[in-house]
Amino acid sequence: MDMGRESRSEKDAMTVEIVFALMTAAVLAGVIFAGAWALALALGLSGSVASGALAGGSLLGAGAGVWRLVRVLLRFDKQRRLGH
């Protein structure tokens, strides 16, 4: 692949992949947080225990979202460098 300037279609493909990575990362983080919230509600947690569960869910969700974002973008870059 030519390492010069990208064509318009290559720029569009990069934009689509970035938006896809951001959206799937946000959905994954939201699902994990919602799972922690539902678990806190189902177990009837209250006070600092519930706050801890929600904080843990937030941290796990954020970590999983960042992991998803990086994974998708690295995969796209690898495929782009191979010319696919």
PDB file of N, CA and C in Angstrom:
ATOM      1  N   MET A   1       0.847  -1.176   0.000  1.00  0.00           N
ATOM      2  CA  MET A   1       0.000   0.000   0.000  1.00  0.00           C
ATOM      3  C   MET A   1       0.890   1.236   0.000  1.00  0.00           C
ATOM      4  N   ASP A   2       0.494   2.226  -0.732  1.00  0.00           N
ATOM      5  CA  ASP A   2       1.220   3.488  -0.789  1.00  0.00           C
ATOM      6  C   ASP A   2       1.123   4.181   0.564  1.00  0.00           C
ATOM      7  N   MET A   3       2.260   4.571   1.122  1.00  0.00           N
ATOM      8  CA  MET A   3       2.257   5.219   2.432  1.00  0.00           C
ATOM      9  C   MET A   3       2.185   6.743   2.312  1.00  0.00           C
ATOM     10  N   GLY A   4       1.803   7.210   1.144  1.00  0.00           N
ATOM     11  CA  GLY A   4       1.643   8.646   0.961  1.00  0.00           C
ATOM     12  C   GLY A   4       0.306   9.109   1.512  1.00  0.00           C
ATOM     13  N   ARG A   5      -0.273  10.073   0.861  1.00  0.00           N
ATOM     14  CA  ARG A   5      -1.556  10.614   1.318  1.00  0.00           C
ATOM     15  C   ARG A   5      -2.671   9.612   1.079  1.00  0.00           C
ATOM     16  N   GLU A   6      -3.616   9.577   2.013  1.00  0.00           N
ATOM     17  CA  GLU A   6      -4.739   8.663   1.891  1.00  0.00           C
ATOM     18  C   GLU A   6      -5.782   9.223   0.933  1.00  0.00           C
ATOM     19  N   SER A   7      -6.463   8.316   0.242  1.00  0.00           N
ATOM     20  CA  SER A   7      -7.552   8.742  -0.628  1.00  0.00           C
ATOM     21  C   SER A   7      -8.771   9.068   0.237  1.00  0.00           C
ATOM     22  N   ARG A   8      -9.752   9.650  -0.388  1.00  0.00           N
ATOM     23  CA  ARG A   8     -10.970  10.015   0.337  1.00  0.00           C
ATOM     24  C   ARG A   8     -11.658   8.780   0.910  1.00  0.00           C
ATOM     25  N   SER A   9     -11.674   7.693   0.138  1.00  0.00           N
ATOM     26  CA  SER A   9     -12.326   6.479   0.626  1.00  0.00           C
ATOM     27  C   SER A   9     -11.569   5.882   1.813  1.00  0.00           C
ATOM     28  N   GLU A  10     -10.243   5.994   1.828  1.00  0.00           N
ATOM     29  CA  GLU A  10      -9.460   5.508   2.970  1.00  0.00           C
ATOM     30  C   GLU A  10      -9.729   6.357   4.215  1.00  0.00           C
ATOM     31  N   LYS A  11      -9.858   7.662   4.023  1.00  0.00           N
ATOM     32  CA  LYS A  11     -10.190   8.538   5.155  1.00  0.00           C
ATOM     33  C   LYS A  11     -11.586   8.232   5.685  1.00  0.00           C
ATOM     34  N   ASP A  12     -12.521   7.983   4.777  1.00  0.00           N
ATOM     35  CA  ASP A  12     -13.876   7.624   5.199  1.00  0.00           C
ATOM     36  C   ASP A  12     -13.877   6.300   5.963  1.00  0.00           C
ATOM     37  N   ALA A  13     -13.094   5.330   5.473  1.00  0.00           N
ATOM     38  CA  ALA A  13     -13.010   4.047   6.162  1.00  0.00           C
ATOM     39  C   ALA A  13     -12.428   4.223   7.560  1.00  0.00           C
ATOM     40  N   MET A  14     -11.438   5.074   7.710  1.00  0.00           N
ATOM     41  CA  MET A  14     -10.868   5.336   9.033  1.00  0.00           C
ATOM     42  C   MET A  14     -11.891   5.980   9.950  1.00  0.00           C
ATOM     43  N   THR A  15     -12.655   6.924   9.411  1.00  0.00           N
ATOM     44  CA  THR A  15     -13.677   7.593  10.217  1.00  0.00           C
ATOM     45  C   THR A  15     -14.736   6.607  10.675  1.00  0.00           C
ATOM     46  N   VAL A  16     -15.187   5.755   9.783  1.00  0.00           N
ATOM     47  CA  VAL A  16     -16.195   4.752  10.124  1.00  0.00           C
ATOM     48  C   VAL A  16     -15.647   3.810  11.196  1.00  0.00           C
ATOM     49  N   GLU A  17     -14.398   3.395  11.057  1.00  0.00           N
ATOM     50  CA  GLU A  17     -13.813   2.475  12.032  1.00  0.00           C
ATOM     51  C   GLU A  17     -13.650   3.132  13.399  1.00  0.00           C
ATOM     52  N   ILE A  18     -13.292   4.387  13.433  1.00  0.00           N
ATOM     53  CA  ILE A  18     -13.156   5.107  14.698  1.00  0.00           C
ATOM     54  C   ILE A  18     -14.516   5.230  15.375  1.00  0.00           C
ATOM     55  N   VAL A  19     -15.535   5.595  14.617  1.00  0.00           N
ATOM     56  CA  VAL A  19     -16.883   5.721  15.192  1.00  0.00           C
ATOM     57  C   VAL A  19     -17.374   4.354  15.674  1.00  0.00           C
ATOM     58  N   PHE A  20     -17.116   3.311  14.895  1.00  0.00           N
ATOM     59  CA  PHE A  20     -17.496   1.958  15.303  1.00  0.00           C
ATOM     60  C   PHE A  20     -16.804   1.573  16.610  1.00  0.00           C
ATOM     61  N   ALA A  21     -15.517   1.865  16.705  1.00  0.00           N
ATOM     62  CA  ALA A  21     -14.764   1.532  17.915  1.00  0.00           C
ATOM     63  C   ALA A  21     -15.310   2.300  19.119  1.00  0.00           C
ATOM     64  N   LEU A  22     -15.585   3.570  18.942  1.00  0.00           N
ATOM     65  CA  LEU A  22     -16.119   4.370  20.045  1.00  0.00           C
ATOM     66  C   LEU A  22     -17.495   3.897  20.479  1.00  0.00           C
ATOM     67  N   MET A  23     -18.354   3.599  19.538  1.00  0.00           N
ATOM     68  CA  MET A  23     -19.714   3.182  19.874  1.00  0.00           C
ATOM     69  C   MET A  23     -19.732   1.817  20.561  1.00  0.00           C
ATOM     70  N   THR A  24     -18.965   0.860  20.032  1.00  0.00           N
ATOM     71  CA  THR A  24     -18.960  -0.459  20.666  1.00  0.00           C
ATOM     72  C   THR A  24     -18.299  -0.403  22.037  1.00  0.00           C
ATOM     73  N   ALA A  25     -17.302   0.454  22.198  1.00  0.00           N
ATOM     74  CA  ALA A  25     -16.672   0.615  23.512  1.00  0.00           C
ATOM     75  C   ALA A  25     -17.664   1.210  24.510  1.00  0.00           C
ATOM     76  N   ALA A  26     -18.431   2.192  24.078  1.00  0.00           N
ATOM     77  CA  ALA A  26     -19.417   2.811  24.963  1.00  0.00           C
ATOM     78  C   ALA A  26     -20.518   1.821  25.337  1.00  0.00           C
ATOM     79  N   VAL A  27     -20.965   1.032  24.378  1.00  0.00           N
ATOM     80  CA  VAL A  27     -22.007   0.039  24.662  1.00  0.00           C
ATOM     81  C   VAL A  27     -21.481  -1.015  25.632  1.00  0.00           C
ATOM     82  N   LEU A  28     -20.265  -1.490  25.411  1.00  0.00           N
ATOM     83  CA  LEU A  28     -19.677  -2.485  26.308  1.00  0.00           C
ATOM     84  C   LEU A  28     -19.546  -1.930  27.724  1.00  0.00           C
ATOM     85  N   ALA A  29     -19.047  -0.709  27.847  1.00  0.00           N
ATOM     86  CA  ALA A  29     -18.908  -0.092  29.165  1.00  0.00           C
ATOM     87  C   ALA A  29     -20.272   0.067  29.829  1.00  0.00           C
ATOM     88  N   GLY A  30     -21.269   0.486  29.073  1.00  0.00           N
ATOM     89  CA  GLY A  30     -22.615   0.645  29.612  1.00  0.00           C
ATOM     90  C   GLY A  30     -23.227  -0.660  30.068  1.00  0.00           C
ATOM     91  N   VAL A  31     -23.014  -1.716  29.315  1.00  0.00           N
ATOM     92  CA  VAL A  31     -23.558  -3.030  29.680  1.00  0.00           C
ATOM     93  C   VAL A  31     -22.912  -3.530  30.968  1.00  0.00           C
ATOM     94  N   ILE A  32     -21.623  -3.349  31.096  1.00  0.00           N
ATOM     95  CA  ILE A  32     -20.938  -3.802  32.312  1.00  0.00           C
ATOM     96  C   ILE A  32     -21.412  -2.988  33.521  1.00  0.00           C
ATOM     97  N   PHE A  33     -21.530  -1.675  33.352  1.00  0.00           N
ATOM     98  CA  PHE A  33     -22.027  -0.856  34.453  1.00  0.00           C
ATOM     99  C   PHE A  33     -23.463  -1.235  34.820  1.00  0.00           C
ATOM    100  N   ALA A  34     -24.301  -1.454  33.807  1.00  0.00           N
ATOM    101  CA  ALA A  34     -25.687  -1.844  34.062  1.00  0.00           C
ATOM    102  C   ALA A  34     -25.753  -3.188  34.784  1.00  0.00           C
ATOM    103  N   GLY A  35     -24.843  -4.089  34.445  1.00  0.00           N
ATOM    104  CA  GLY A  35     -24.790  -5.372  35.139  1.00  0.00           C
ATOM    105  C   GLY A  35     -24.441  -5.202  36.608  1.00  0.00           C
ATOM    106  N   ALA A  36     -23.493  -4.330  36.904  1.00  0.00           N
ATOM    107  CA  ALA A  36     -23.132  -4.069  38.301  1.00  0.00           C
ATOM    108  C   ALA A  36     -24.298  -3.415  39.041  1.00  0.00           C
ATOM    109  N   TRP A  37     -24.983  -2.512  38.371  1.00  0.00           N
ATOM    110  CA  TRP A  37     -26.133  -1.829  38.975  1.00  0.00           C
ATOM    111  C   TRP A  37     -27.265  -2.829  39.257  1.00  0.00           C
ATOM    112  N   ALA A  38     -27.531  -3.689  38.267  1.00  0.00           N
ATOM    113  CA  ALA A  38     -28.584  -4.687  38.437  1.00  0.00           C
ATOM    114  C   ALA A  38     -28.226  -5.667  39.560  1.00  0.00           C
ATOM    115  N   LEU A  39     -26.952  -6.021  39.648  1.00  0.00           N
ATOM    116  CA  LEU A  39     -26.515  -6.906  40.716  1.00  0.00           C
ATOM    117  C   LEU A  39     -26.711  -6.247  42.078  1.00  0.00           C
ATOM    118  N   ALA A  40     -26.378  -4.959  42.181  1.00  0.00           N
ATOM    119  CA  ALA A  40     -26.571  -4.241  43.439  1.00  0.00           C
ATOM    120  C   ALA A  40     -28.055  -4.176  43.804  1.00  0.00           C
ATOM    121  N   LEU A  41     -28.915  -3.975  42.816  1.00  0.00           N
ATOM    122  CA  LEU A  41     -30.357  -3.951  43.084  1.00  0.00           C
ATOM    123  C   LEU A  41     -30.884  -5.338  43.448  1.00  0.00           C
ATOM    124  N   ALA A  42     -30.427  -6.364  42.729  1.00  0.00           N
ATOM    125  CA  ALA A  42     -30.922  -7.720  42.959  1.00  0.00           C
ATOM    126  C   ALA A  42     -30.523  -8.244  44.341  1.00  0.00           C
ATOM    127  N   LEU A  43     -29.337  -7.870  44.769  1.00  0.00           N
ATOM    128  CA  LEU A  43     -28.861  -8.338  46.073  1.00  0.00           C
ATOM    129  C   LEU A  43     -29.317  -7.433  47.213  1.00  0.00           C
ATOM    130  N   GLY A  44     -29.970  -6.347  46.873  1.00  0.00           N
ATOM    131  CA  GLY A  44     -30.474  -5.432  47.888  1.00  0.00           C
ATOM    132  C   GLY A  44     -29.366  -4.697  48.642  1.00  0.00           C
ATOM    133  N   LEU A  45     -28.275  -4.415  47.942  1.00  0.00           N
ATOM    134  CA  LEU A  45     -27.162  -3.717  48.571  1.00  0.00           C
ATOM    135  C   LEU A  45     -27.544  -2.266  48.844  1.00  0.00           C
ATOM    136  N   SER A  46     -27.004  -1.716  49.909  1.00  0.00           N
ATOM    137  CA  SER A  46     -27.292  -0.313  50.221  1.00  0.00           C
ATOM    138  C   SER A  46     -26.058   0.331  50.816  1.00  0.00           C
ATOM    139  N   GLY A  47     -26.081   1.644  50.865  1.00  0.00           N
ATOM    140  CA  GLY A  47     -24.998   2.402  51.487  1.00  0.00           C
ATOM    141  C   GLY A  47     -23.684   2.278  50.752  1.00  0.00           C
ATOM    142  N   SER A  48     -22.625   2.116  51.523  1.00  0.00           N
ATOM    143  CA  SER A  48     -21.282   2.111  50.945  1.00  0.00           C
ATOM    144  C   SER A  48     -21.018   0.848  50.119  1.00  0.00           C
ATOM    145  N   VAL A  49     -21.708  -0.233  50.432  1.00  0.00           N
ATOM    146  CA  VAL A  49     -21.537  -1.468  49.652  1.00  0.00           C
ATOM    147  C   VAL A  49     -22.073  -1.260  48.234  1.00  0.00           C
ATOM    148  N   ALA A  50     -23.231  -0.634  48.138  1.00  0.00           N
ATOM    149  CA  ALA A  50     -23.800  -0.343  46.821  1.00  0.00           C
ATOM    150  C   ALA A  50     -22.919   0.649  46.068  1.00  0.00           C
ATOM    151  N   SER A  51     -22.413   1.639  46.770  1.00  0.00           N
ATOM    152  CA  SER A  51     -21.516   2.614  46.137  1.00  0.00           C
ATOM    153  C   SER A  51     -20.253   1.928  45.634  1.00  0.00           C
ATOM    154  N   GLY A  52     -19.732   0.999  46.424  1.00  0.00           N
ATOM    155  CA  GLY A  52     -18.546   0.251  46.007  1.00  0.00           C
ATOM    156  C   GLY A  52     -18.813  -0.615  44.788  1.00  0.00           C
ATOM    157  N   ALA A  53     -19.980  -1.247  44.756  1.00  0.00           N
ATOM    158  CA  ALA A  53     -20.339  -2.077  43.607  1.00  0.00           C
ATOM    159  C   ALA A  53     -20.472  -1.221  42.348  1.00  0.00           C
ATOM    160  N   LEU A  54     -21.089  -0.055  42.481  1.00  0.00           N
ATOM    161  CA  LEU A  54     -21.234   0.829  41.321  1.00  0.00           C
ATOM    162  C   LEU A  54     -19.887   1.399  40.882  1.00  0.00           C
ATOM    163  N   ALA A  55     -19.034   1.716  41.852  1.00  0.00           N
ATOM    164  CA  ALA A  55     -17.691   2.206  41.501  1.00  0.00           C
ATOM    165  C   ALA A  55     -16.898   1.105  40.803  1.00  0.00           C
ATOM    166  N   GLY A  56     -17.012  -0.117  41.313  1.00  0.00           N
ATOM    167  CA  GLY A  56     -16.344  -1.241  40.664  1.00  0.00           C
ATOM    168  C   GLY A  56     -16.863  -1.481  39.258  1.00  0.00           C
ATOM    169  N   GLY A  57     -18.175  -1.392  39.099  1.00  0.00           N
ATOM    170  CA  GLY A  57     -18.773  -1.541  37.773  1.00  0.00           C
ATOM    171  C   GLY A  57     -18.328  -0.451  36.821  1.00  0.00           C
ATOM    172  N   SER A  58     -18.193   0.761  37.356  1.00  0.00           N
ATOM    173  CA  SER A  58     -17.714   1.875  36.530  1.00  0.00           C
ATOM    174  C   SER A  58     -16.283   1.642  36.072  1.00  0.00           C
ATOM    175  N   LEU A  59     -15.441   1.209  37.011  1.00  0.00           N
ATOM    176  CA  LEU A  59     -14.037   0.953  36.660  1.00  0.00           C
ATOM    177  C   LEU A  59     -13.899  -0.205  35.682  1.00  0.00           C
ATOM    178  N   LEU A  60     -14.627  -1.289  35.929  1.00  0.00           N
ATOM    179  CA  LEU A  60     -14.585  -2.417  34.998  1.00  0.00           C
ATOM    180  C   LEU A  60     -15.127  -2.027  33.621  1.00  0.00           C
ATOM    181  N   GLY A  61     -16.211  -1.266  33.615  1.00  0.00           N
ATOM    182  CA  GLY A  61     -16.779  -0.817  32.344  1.00  0.00           C
ATOM    183  C   GLY A  61     -15.835   0.085  31.582  1.00  0.00           C
ATOM    184  N   ALA A  62     -15.203   1.019  32.287  1.00  0.00           N
ATOM    185  CA  ALA A  62     -14.249   1.921  31.631  1.00  0.00           C
ATOM    186  C   ALA A  62     -13.053   1.143  31.095  1.00  0.00           C
ATOM    187  N   GLY A  63     -12.561   0.210  31.886  1.00  0.00           N
ATOM    188  CA  GLY A  63     -11.422  -0.602  31.438  1.00  0.00           C
ATOM    189  C   GLY A  63     -11.769  -1.441  30.219  1.00  0.00           C
ATOM    190  N   ALA A  64     -12.938  -2.056  30.250  1.00  0.00           N
ATOM    191  CA  ALA A  64     -13.368  -2.876  29.111  1.00  0.00           C
ATOM    192  C   ALA A  64     -13.612  -2.006  27.876  1.00  0.00           C
ATOM    193  N   GLY A  65     -14.140  -0.799  28.073  1.00  0.00           N
ATOM    194  CA  GLY A  65     -14.362   0.106  26.942  1.00  0.00           C
ATOM    195  C   GLY A  65     -13.061   0.532  26.296  1.00  0.00           C
ATOM    196  N   VAL A  66     -12.077   0.864  27.115  1.00  0.00           N
ATOM    197  CA  VAL A  66     -10.763   1.247  26.571  1.00  0.00           C
ATOM    198  C   VAL A  66     -10.130   0.063  25.861  1.00  0.00           C
ATOM    199  N   TRP A  67     -10.236  -1.132  26.467  1.00  0.00           N
ATOM    200  CA  TRP A  67      -9.691  -2.333  25.836  1.00  0.00           C
ATOM    201  C   TRP A  67     -10.329  -2.555  24.465  1.00  0.00           C
ATOM    202  N   ARG A  68     -11.648  -2.410  24.383  1.00  0.00           N
ATOM    203  CA  ARG A  68     -12.357  -2.602  23.114  1.00  0.00           C
ATOM    204  C   ARG A  68     -11.925  -1.561  22.076  1.00  0.00           C
ATOM    205  N   LEU A  69     -11.821  -0.327  22.503  1.00  0.00           N
ATOM    206  CA  LEU A  69     -11.414   0.746  21.597  1.00  0.00           C
ATOM    207  C   LEU A  69     -10.036   0.471  21.012  1.00  0.00           C
ATOM    208  N   VAL A  70      -9.086   0.150  21.867  1.00  0.00           N
ATOM    209  CA  VAL A  70      -7.719  -0.103  21.404  1.00  0.00           C
ATOM    210  C   VAL A  70      -7.668  -1.333  20.513  1.00  0.00           C
ATOM    211  N   ARG A  71      -8.378  -2.375  20.897  1.00  0.00           N
ATOM    212  CA  ARG A  71      -8.365  -3.616  20.119  1.00  0.00           C
ATOM    213  C   ARG A  71      -8.906  -3.402  18.702  1.00  0.00           C
ATOM    214  N   VAL A  72     -10.014  -2.700  18.578  1.00  0.00           N
ATOM    215  CA  VAL A  72     -10.612  -2.468  17.259  1.00  0.00           C
ATOM    216  C   VAL A  72      -9.699  -1.602  16.403  1.00  0.00           C
ATOM    217  N   LEU A  73      -9.142  -0.549  16.988  1.00  0.00           N
ATOM    218  CA  LEU A  73      -8.294   0.346  16.195  1.00  0.00           C
ATOM    219  C   LEU A  73      -6.975  -0.316  15.788  1.00  0.00           C
ATOM    220  N   LEU A  74      -6.400  -1.127  16.661  1.00  0.00           N
ATOM    221  CA  LEU A  74      -5.173  -1.841  16.287  1.00  0.00           C
ATOM    222  C   LEU A  74      -5.445  -2.868  15.198  1.00  0.00           C
ATOM    223  N   ARG A  75      -6.590  -3.552  15.292  1.00  0.00           N
ATOM    224  CA  ARG A  75      -6.955  -4.515  14.252  1.00  0.00           C
ATOM    225  C   ARG A  75      -7.145  -3.814  12.903  1.00  0.00           C
ATOM    226  N   PHE A  76      -7.797  -2.664  12.932  1.00  0.00           N
ATOM    227  CA  PHE A  76      -8.000  -1.910  11.697  1.00  0.00           C
ATOM    228  C   PHE A  76      -6.671  -1.460  11.114  1.00  0.00           C
ATOM    229  N   ASP A  77      -5.764  -0.963  11.964  1.00  0.00           N
ATOM    230  CA  ASP A  77      -4.458  -0.503  11.484  1.00  0.00           C
ATOM    231  C   ASP A  77      -3.671  -1.655  10.878  1.00  0.00           C
ATOM    232  N   LYS A  78      -3.732  -2.822  11.501  1.00  0.00           N
ATOM    233  CA  LYS A  78      -3.021  -3.995  10.971  1.00  0.00           C
ATOM    234  C   LYS A  78      -3.556  -4.370   9.588  1.00  0.00           C
ATOM    235  N   GLN A  79      -4.901  -4.379   9.462  1.00  0.00           N
ATOM    236  CA  GLN A  79      -5.497  -4.716   8.162  1.00  0.00           C
ATOM    237  C   GLN A  79      -5.172  -3.645   7.116  1.00  0.00           C
ATOM    238  N   ARG A  80      -5.153  -2.385   7.532  1.00  0.00           N
ATOM    239  CA  ARG A  80      -4.845  -1.304   6.600  1.00  0.00           C
ATOM    240  C   ARG A  80      -3.406  -1.412   6.105  1.00  0.00           C
ATOM    241  N   ARG A  81      -2.484  -1.753   6.989  1.00  0.00           N
ATOM    242  CA  ARG A  81      -1.078  -1.886   6.599  1.00  0.00           C
ATOM    243  C   ARG A  81      -0.855  -3.078   5.684  1.00  0.00           C
ATOM    244  N   LEU A  82      -1.678  -4.119   5.834  1.00  0.00           N
ATOM    245  CA  LEU A  82      -1.576  -5.275   4.951  1.00  0.00           C
ATOM    246  C   LEU A  82      -2.229  -5.033   3.589  1.00  0.00           C
ATOM    247  N   GLY A  83      -2.994  -3.953   3.505  1.00  0.00           N
ATOM    248  CA  GLY A  83      -3.624  -3.607   2.234  1.00  0.00           C
ATOM    249  C   GLY A  83      -4.989  -4.188   2.043  1.00  0.00           C
ATOM    250  N   HIS A  84      -5.658  -4.576   3.105  1.00  0.00           N
ATOM    251  CA  HIS A  84      -7.001  -5.185   2.999  1.00  0.00           C
ATOM    252  C   HIS A  84      -8.050  -4.139   3.085  1.00  0.00           C
TER     253      HIS A  84
END
